[in-house]
Amino acid sequence: MSASPPEAARERGSYPKGVARRQEILDRALEVFAKRGAQRTSLRAIAQEVGVTHAALTHYFGSLEELLVAVYRESELRADAEGPPPAPDVSPAEQMRISAADNREIPGLVQLYSTLVATALEDGHSAAQEFATQRFARVREDLAQRVRHLQSMGRLREDVEPGLVAALVVAASDGLQTQWLLDPAVDHEAALAMLDRLLSSPRTDS
């Protein structure tokens, strides 16, 4: 029985030199994908762009799908490390609007994310399926917590279910992101700002 992707990754990079080499390759791969996106290509072609042998890329990542997942996860880790997380009182739609503004600077990684999600919908792509399922669940839970917090502060409508709001915001953000990839004229940020207004509690003057 073959090892699962996480176990296989540990086996391939369990020694200090192996960990360092894998990170070095991942750093370079991240630069490549940030510029070019996840165009349909072979692991061999990517190895050439990254500047390593096909055997080295296969040794550390196993498959093209595992490499794409590793690259996107690394991009998320870097984004999280660049600054503090959004304050608890930032609304779900506003949080996604901020992310959308950042994503405009790295269209290649936006395309990579969209490719991974599309791949996850196909049979036989366990690495992409695990990545997308876990990420969606994590993001929905974070946004649902924000909804509950803002409802307790009276800033968000009380007649909306937090989990459904979270799913709606994710769907809106991802869908708008796809539209923006196809047509840069689509104002992703303005649409999310409008959704934020629709979800906000009406303000009453004292």
C-alpha atoms as a PDB file:
ATOM      1  CA  MET A   1       0.000   0.000   0.000  1.00  0.00           C
ATOM      2  CA  SER A   2       1.430   3.396  -0.956  1.00  0.00           C
ATOM      3  CA  ALA A   3       1.854   6.111   1.653  1.00  0.00           C
ATOM      4  CA  SER A   4      -0.719   8.887   1.807  1.00  0.00           C
ATOM      5  CA  PRO A   5       0.474  12.280   0.443  1.00  0.00           C
ATOM      6  CA  PRO A   6       1.351  13.739   3.904  1.00  0.00           C
ATOM      7  CA  GLU A   7       3.200  10.566   4.925  1.00  0.00           C
ATOM      8  CA  ALA A   8       4.981  10.429   1.585  1.00  0.00           C
ATOM      9  CA  ALA A   9       6.063  14.042   1.984  1.00  0.00           C
ATOM     10  CA  ARG A  10       7.510  13.312   5.414  1.00  0.00           C
ATOM     11  CA  GLU A  11       9.391  10.304   4.083  1.00  0.00           C
ATOM     12  CA  ARG A  12      10.823  12.342   1.226  1.00  0.00           C
ATOM     13  CA  GLY A  13      11.941  15.200   3.474  1.00  0.00           C
ATOM     14  CA  SER A  14      12.615  13.661   6.857  1.00  0.00           C
ATOM     15  CA  TYR A  15      16.347  14.490   7.010  1.00  0.00           C
ATOM     16  CA  PRO A  16      17.661  18.048   7.581  1.00  0.00           C
ATOM     17  CA  LYS A  17      19.407  18.254   4.199  1.00  0.00           C
ATOM     18  CA  GLY A  18      16.314  16.865   2.501  1.00  0.00           C
ATOM     19  CA  VAL A  19      14.076  19.402   4.267  1.00  0.00           C
ATOM     20  CA  ALA A  20      16.343  22.257   3.230  1.00  0.00           C
ATOM     21  CA  ARG A  21      16.529  21.068  -0.361  1.00  0.00           C
ATOM     22  CA  ARG A  22      12.761  20.602  -0.566  1.00  0.00           C
ATOM     23  CA  GLN A  23      12.226  24.126   0.767  1.00  0.00           C
ATOM     24  CA  GLU A  24      14.718  25.510  -1.726  1.00  0.00           C
ATOM     25  CA  ILE A  25      12.837  23.888  -4.598  1.00  0.00           C
ATOM     26  CA  LEU A  26       9.501  25.021  -3.162  1.00  0.00           C
ATOM     27  CA  ASP A  27      10.726  28.623  -2.905  1.00  0.00           C
ATOM     28  CA  ARG A  28      11.722  28.636  -6.551  1.00  0.00           C
ATOM     29  CA  ALA A  29       8.518  26.883  -7.632  1.00  0.00           C
ATOM     30  CA  LEU A  30       6.471  29.522  -5.793  1.00  0.00           C
ATOM     31  CA  GLU A  31       8.234  32.261  -7.759  1.00  0.00           C
ATOM     32  CA  VAL A  32       7.521  30.445 -11.017  1.00  0.00           C
ATOM     33  CA  PHE A  33       3.832  29.846 -10.311  1.00  0.00           C
ATOM     34  CA  ALA A  34       3.302  33.393  -9.016  1.00  0.00           C
ATOM     35  CA  LYS A  35       4.382  34.628 -12.452  1.00  0.00           C
ATOM     36  CA  ARG A  36       2.883  32.055 -14.767  1.00  0.00           C
ATOM     37  CA  GLY A  37       0.011  30.443 -12.902  1.00  0.00           C
ATOM     38  CA  ALA A  38      -0.875  26.761 -13.117  1.00  0.00           C
ATOM     39  CA  GLN A  39      -1.020  26.298 -16.836  1.00  0.00           C
ATOM     40  CA  ARG A  40      -1.599  22.727 -17.890  1.00  0.00           C
ATOM     41  CA  THR A  41       1.908  21.389 -18.227  1.00  0.00           C
ATOM     42  CA  SER A  42       4.088  18.500 -17.166  1.00  0.00           C
ATOM     43  CA  LEU A  43       6.178  18.034 -14.066  1.00  0.00           C
ATOM     44  CA  ARG A  44       9.193  17.750 -16.356  1.00  0.00           C
ATOM     45  CA  ALA A  45       8.533  21.168 -17.899  1.00  0.00           C
ATOM     46  CA  ILE A  46       8.126  22.737 -14.452  1.00  0.00           C
ATOM     47  CA  ALA A  47      11.365  21.128 -13.280  1.00  0.00           C
ATOM     48  CA  GLN A  48      13.149  22.833 -16.156  1.00  0.00           C
ATOM     49  CA  GLU A  49      11.657  26.224 -15.210  1.00  0.00           C
ATOM     50  CA  VAL A  50      12.497  25.740 -11.539  1.00  0.00           C
ATOM     51  CA  GLY A  51      16.020  24.691 -12.434  1.00  0.00           C
ATOM     52  CA  VAL A  52      16.099  21.147 -11.051  1.00  0.00           C
ATOM     53  CA  THR A  53      15.962  17.696 -12.550  1.00  0.00           C
ATOM     54  CA  HIS A  54      12.682  15.917 -13.117  1.00  0.00           C
ATOM     55  CA  ALA A  55      13.910  13.190 -10.753  1.00  0.00           C
ATOM     56  CA  ALA A  56      14.503  15.720  -7.958  1.00  0.00           C
ATOM     57  CA  LEU A  57      11.040  17.223  -8.327  1.00  0.00           C
ATOM     58  CA  THR A  58       9.455  13.774  -8.342  1.00  0.00           C
ATOM     59  CA  HIS A  59      11.484  12.721  -5.302  1.00  0.00           C
ATOM     60  CA  TYR A  60      10.360  15.634  -3.154  1.00  0.00           C
ATOM     61  CA  PHE A  61       6.782  16.115  -4.366  1.00  0.00           C
ATOM     62  CA  GLY A  62       5.733  12.864  -5.999  1.00  0.00           C
ATOM     63  CA  SER A  63       3.363  14.317  -8.582  1.00  0.00           C
ATOM     64  CA  LEU A  64       2.334  17.552 -10.259  1.00  0.00           C
ATOM     65  CA  GLU A  65      -0.785  17.673  -8.096  1.00  0.00           C
ATOM     66  CA  GLU A  66       1.214  17.366  -4.859  1.00  0.00           C
ATOM     67  CA  LEU A  67       3.553  20.112  -6.043  1.00  0.00           C
ATOM     68  CA  LEU A  68       0.664  22.472  -6.786  1.00  0.00           C
ATOM     69  CA  VAL A  69      -0.827  21.857  -3.333  1.00  0.00           C
ATOM     70  CA  ALA A  70       2.557  22.402  -1.646  1.00  0.00           C
ATOM     71  CA  VAL A  71       3.124  25.649  -3.562  1.00  0.00           C
ATOM     72  CA  TYR A  72      -0.264  27.099  -2.651  1.00  0.00           C
ATOM     73  CA  ARG A  73       0.058  26.089   1.002  1.00  0.00           C
ATOM     74  CA  GLU A  74       3.464  27.767   1.097  1.00  0.00           C
ATOM     75  CA  SER A  75       1.939  30.937  -0.358  1.00  0.00           C
ATOM     76  CA  GLU A  76      -0.699  30.904   2.396  1.00  0.00           C
ATOM     77  CA  LEU A  77       1.939  30.468   5.099  1.00  0.00           C
ATOM     78  CA  ARG A  78       3.885  33.423   3.737  1.00  0.00           C
ATOM     79  CA  ALA A  79       0.801  35.590   3.527  1.00  0.00           C
ATOM     80  CA  ASP A  80      -0.076  34.773   7.147  1.00  0.00           C
ATOM     81  CA  ALA A  81       3.482  35.563   8.263  1.00  0.00           C
ATOM     82  CA  GLU A  82       3.550  38.966   6.569  1.00  0.00           C
ATOM     83  CA  GLY A  83       1.217  40.576   9.040  1.00  0.00           C
ATOM     84  CA  PRO A  84      -1.275  40.053  11.873  1.00  0.00           C
ATOM     85  CA  PRO A  85      -4.606  38.391  11.054  1.00  0.00           C
ATOM     86  CA  PRO A  86      -7.618  40.655  10.484  1.00  0.00           C
ATOM     87  CA  ALA A  87      -9.154  42.011  13.675  1.00  0.00           C
ATOM     88  CA  PRO A  88     -12.181  40.073  15.004  1.00  0.00           C
ATOM     89  CA  ASP A  89     -14.509  42.964  14.118  1.00  0.00           C
ATOM     90  CA  VAL A  90     -13.604  42.860  10.423  1.00  0.00           C
ATOM     91  CA  SER A  91     -16.657  41.495   8.609  1.00  0.00           C
ATOM     92  CA  PRO A  92     -16.467  38.300   6.532  1.00  0.00           C
ATOM     93  CA  ALA A  93     -17.055  40.109   3.237  1.00  0.00           C
ATOM     94  CA  GLU A  94     -14.520  42.791   4.158  1.00  0.00           C
ATOM     95  CA  GLN A  95     -11.952  40.135   5.024  1.00  0.00           C
ATOM     96  CA  MET A  96     -12.434  38.555   1.614  1.00  0.00           C
ATOM     97  CA  ARG A  97     -12.338  41.996  -0.029  1.00  0.00           C
ATOM     98  CA  ILE A  98      -8.931  42.622   1.542  1.00  0.00           C
ATOM     99  CA  SER A  99      -7.736  39.255   0.247  1.00  0.00           C
ATOM    100  CA  ALA A 100      -9.090  40.117  -3.202  1.00  0.00           C
ATOM    101  CA  ALA A 101      -7.047  43.329  -3.227  1.00  0.00           C
ATOM    102  CA  ASP A 102      -3.913  41.377  -2.323  1.00  0.00           C
ATOM    103  CA  ASN A 103      -4.674  38.717  -4.936  1.00  0.00           C
ATOM    104  CA  ARG A 104      -4.724  41.282  -7.719  1.00  0.00           C
ATOM    105  CA  GLU A 105      -0.957  41.533  -7.261  1.00  0.00           C
ATOM    106  CA  ILE A 106      -0.413  37.774  -7.752  1.00  0.00           C
ATOM    107  CA  PRO A 107      -2.768  36.594 -10.523  1.00  0.00           C
ATOM    108  CA  GLY A 108      -0.627  33.501 -11.082  1.00  0.00           C
ATOM    109  CA  LEU A 109      -1.410  32.174  -7.611  1.00  0.00           C
ATOM    110  CA  VAL A 110      -5.093  33.049  -8.046  1.00  0.00           C
ATOM    111  CA  GLN A 111      -5.073  30.887 -11.156  1.00  0.00           C
ATOM    112  CA  LEU A 112      -3.240  28.151  -9.262  1.00  0.00           C
ATOM    113  CA  TYR A 113      -5.925  28.158  -6.561  1.00  0.00           C
ATOM    114  CA  SER A 114      -8.707  27.974  -9.147  1.00  0.00           C
ATOM    115  CA  THR A 115      -6.929  25.092 -10.863  1.00  0.00           C
ATOM    116  CA  LEU A 116      -6.634  23.162  -7.596  1.00  0.00           C
ATOM    117  CA  VAL A 117     -10.319  23.607  -6.784  1.00  0.00           C
ATOM    118  CA  ALA A 118     -11.322  22.482 -10.273  1.00  0.00           C
ATOM    119  CA  THR A 119      -9.002  19.475 -10.006  1.00  0.00           C
ATOM    120  CA  ALA A 120     -10.516  18.550  -6.639  1.00  0.00           C
ATOM    121  CA  LEU A 121     -13.874  18.017  -8.339  1.00  0.00           C
ATOM    122  CA  GLU A 122     -12.433  15.237 -10.507  1.00  0.00           C
ATOM    123  CA  ASP A 123     -12.109  11.630  -9.397  1.00  0.00           C
ATOM    124  CA  GLY A 124      -8.674  10.316  -8.520  1.00  0.00           C
ATOM    125  CA  HIS A 125      -7.172  13.564  -7.227  1.00  0.00           C
ATOM    126  CA  SER A 126      -6.929  12.929  -3.491  1.00  0.00           C
ATOM    127  CA  ALA A 127      -4.284  15.587  -2.777  1.00  0.00           C
ATOM    128  CA  ALA A 128      -6.313  18.381  -4.376  1.00  0.00           C
ATOM    129  CA  GLN A 129      -9.548  17.080  -2.814  1.00  0.00           C
ATOM    130  CA  GLU A 130      -8.054  17.017   0.664  1.00  0.00           C
ATOM    131  CA  PHE A 131      -6.572  20.489   0.210  1.00  0.00           C
ATOM    132  CA  ALA A 132      -9.786  22.075  -1.079  1.00  0.00           C
ATOM    133  CA  THR A 133     -12.097  20.336   1.410  1.00  0.00           C
ATOM    134  CA  GLN A 134      -9.965  21.256   4.415  1.00  0.00           C
ATOM    135  CA  ARG A 135      -9.418  24.817   3.241  1.00  0.00           C
ATOM    136  CA  PHE A 136     -13.105  25.471   2.595  1.00  0.00           C
ATOM    137  CA  ALA A 137     -14.011  24.050   6.012  1.00  0.00           C
ATOM    138  CA  ARG A 138     -11.354  26.155   7.744  1.00  0.00           C
ATOM    139  CA  VAL A 139     -12.362  29.376   5.999  1.00  0.00           C
ATOM    140  CA  ARG A 140     -16.081  28.802   6.594  1.00  0.00           C
ATOM    141  CA  GLU A 141     -15.510  28.195  10.306  1.00  0.00           C
ATOM    142  CA  ASP A 142     -13.392  31.341  10.640  1.00  0.00           C
ATOM    143  CA  LEU A 143     -15.978  33.449   8.830  1.00  0.00           C
ATOM    144  CA  ALA A 144     -18.867  31.930  10.811  1.00  0.00           C
ATOM    145  CA  GLN A 145     -17.123  32.879  14.046  1.00  0.00           C
ATOM    146  CA  ARG A 146     -16.793  36.424  12.755  1.00  0.00           C
ATOM    147  CA  VAL A 147     -20.490  36.502  11.928  1.00  0.00           C
ATOM    148  CA  ARG A 148     -21.427  35.413  15.462  1.00  0.00           C
ATOM    149  CA  HIS A 149     -19.091  38.005  16.973  1.00  0.00           C
ATOM    150  CA  LEU A 150     -20.462  40.827  14.829  1.00  0.00           C
ATOM    151  CA  GLN A 151     -24.045  39.753  15.525  1.00  0.00           C
ATOM    152  CA  SER A 152     -23.322  39.969  19.259  1.00  0.00           C
ATOM    153  CA  MET A 153     -22.073  43.527  18.675  1.00  0.00           C
ATOM    154  CA  GLY A 154     -25.185  44.440  16.713  1.00  0.00           C
ATOM    155  CA  ARG A 155     -23.193  45.098  13.549  1.00  0.00           C
ATOM    156  CA  LEU A 156     -24.536  42.218  11.489  1.00  0.00           C
ATOM    157  CA  ARG A 157     -28.122  41.188  10.849  1.00  0.00           C
ATOM    158  CA  GLU A 158     -29.437  38.788  13.474  1.00  0.00           C
ATOM    159  CA  ASP A 159     -31.785  36.980  11.072  1.00  0.00           C
ATOM    160  CA  VAL A 160     -28.967  35.280   9.124  1.00  0.00           C
ATOM    161  CA  GLU A 161     -27.407  31.926  10.013  1.00  0.00           C
ATOM    162  CA  PRO A 162     -23.617  32.258  10.521  1.00  0.00           C
ATOM    163  CA  GLY A 163     -22.652  29.071   8.694  1.00  0.00           C
ATOM    164  CA  LEU A 164     -24.757  29.964   5.673  1.00  0.00           C
ATOM    165  CA  VAL A 165     -23.383  33.505   5.578  1.00  0.00           C
ATOM    166  CA  ALA A 166     -19.863  32.071   5.641  1.00  0.00           C
ATOM    167  CA  ALA A 167     -20.635  29.703   2.755  1.00  0.00           C
ATOM    168  CA  LEU A 168     -22.261  32.526   0.781  1.00  0.00           C
ATOM    169  CA  VAL A 169     -19.295  34.872   1.252  1.00  0.00           C
ATOM    170  CA  VAL A 170     -16.838  32.170   0.166  1.00  0.00           C
ATOM    171  CA  ALA A 171     -18.969  31.355  -2.874  1.00  0.00           C
ATOM    172  CA  ALA A 172     -19.260  35.031  -3.805  1.00  0.00           C
ATOM    173  CA  SER A 173     -15.543  35.674  -3.383  1.00  0.00           C
ATOM    174  CA  ASP A 174     -14.405  32.607  -5.324  1.00  0.00           C
ATOM    175  CA  GLY A 175     -16.964  33.175  -8.074  1.00  0.00           C
ATOM    176  CA  LEU A 176     -15.998  36.831  -8.449  1.00  0.00           C
ATOM    177  CA  GLN A 177     -12.347  35.836  -8.458  1.00  0.00           C
ATOM    178  CA  THR A 178     -12.973  33.473 -11.381  1.00  0.00           C
ATOM    179  CA  GLN A 179     -14.849  36.195 -13.246  1.00  0.00           C
ATOM    180  CA  TRP A 180     -11.961  38.601 -12.642  1.00  0.00           C
ATOM    181  CA  LEU A 181      -9.473  36.080 -14.050  1.00  0.00           C
ATOM    182  CA  LEU A 182     -11.563  35.948 -17.228  1.00  0.00           C
ATOM    183  CA  ASP A 183     -12.342  39.664 -17.332  1.00  0.00           C
ATOM    184  CA  PRO A 184     -10.202  42.099 -15.285  1.00  0.00           C
ATOM    185  CA  ALA A 185     -12.966  44.707 -15.626  1.00  0.00           C
ATOM    186  CA  VAL A 186     -15.062  42.799 -13.065  1.00  0.00           C
ATOM    187  CA  ASP A 187     -14.837  44.767  -9.805  1.00  0.00           C
ATOM    188  CA  HIS A 188     -14.354  41.939  -7.314  1.00  0.00           C
ATOM    189  CA  GLU A 189     -13.777  44.294  -4.385  1.00  0.00           C
ATOM    190  CA  ALA A 190     -16.787  46.528  -5.039  1.00  0.00           C
ATOM    191  CA  ALA A 191     -19.103  43.519  -5.291  1.00  0.00           C
ATOM    192  CA  LEU A 192     -17.893  42.181  -1.938  1.00  0.00           C
ATOM    193  CA  ALA A 193     -18.294  45.636  -0.384  1.00  0.00           C
ATOM    194  CA  MET A 194     -21.912  45.658  -1.607  1.00  0.00           C
ATOM    195  CA  LEU A 195     -22.481  42.208  -0.078  1.00  0.00           C
ATOM    196  CA  ASP A 196     -21.086  43.576   3.176  1.00  0.00           C
ATOM    197  CA  ARG A 197     -23.658  46.379   3.152  1.00  0.00           C
ATOM    198  CA  LEU A 198     -26.478  43.924   2.473  1.00  0.00           C
ATOM    199  CA  LEU A 199     -25.484  41.826   5.495  1.00  0.00           C
ATOM    200  CA  SER A 200     -24.934  44.748   7.874  1.00  0.00           C
ATOM    201  CA  SER A 201     -27.515  45.719  10.460  1.00  0.00           C
ATOM    202  CA  PRO A 202     -29.448  48.876   9.572  1.00  0.00           C
ATOM    203  CA  ARG A 203     -28.121  51.794  11.582  1.00  0.00           C
ATOM    204  CA  THR A 204     -30.590  53.831  13.526  1.00  0.00           C
ATOM    205  CA  ASP A 205     -29.893  57.392  14.605  1.00  0.00           C
ATOM    206  CA  SER A 206     -30.419  58.113  18.261  1.00  0.00           C
END
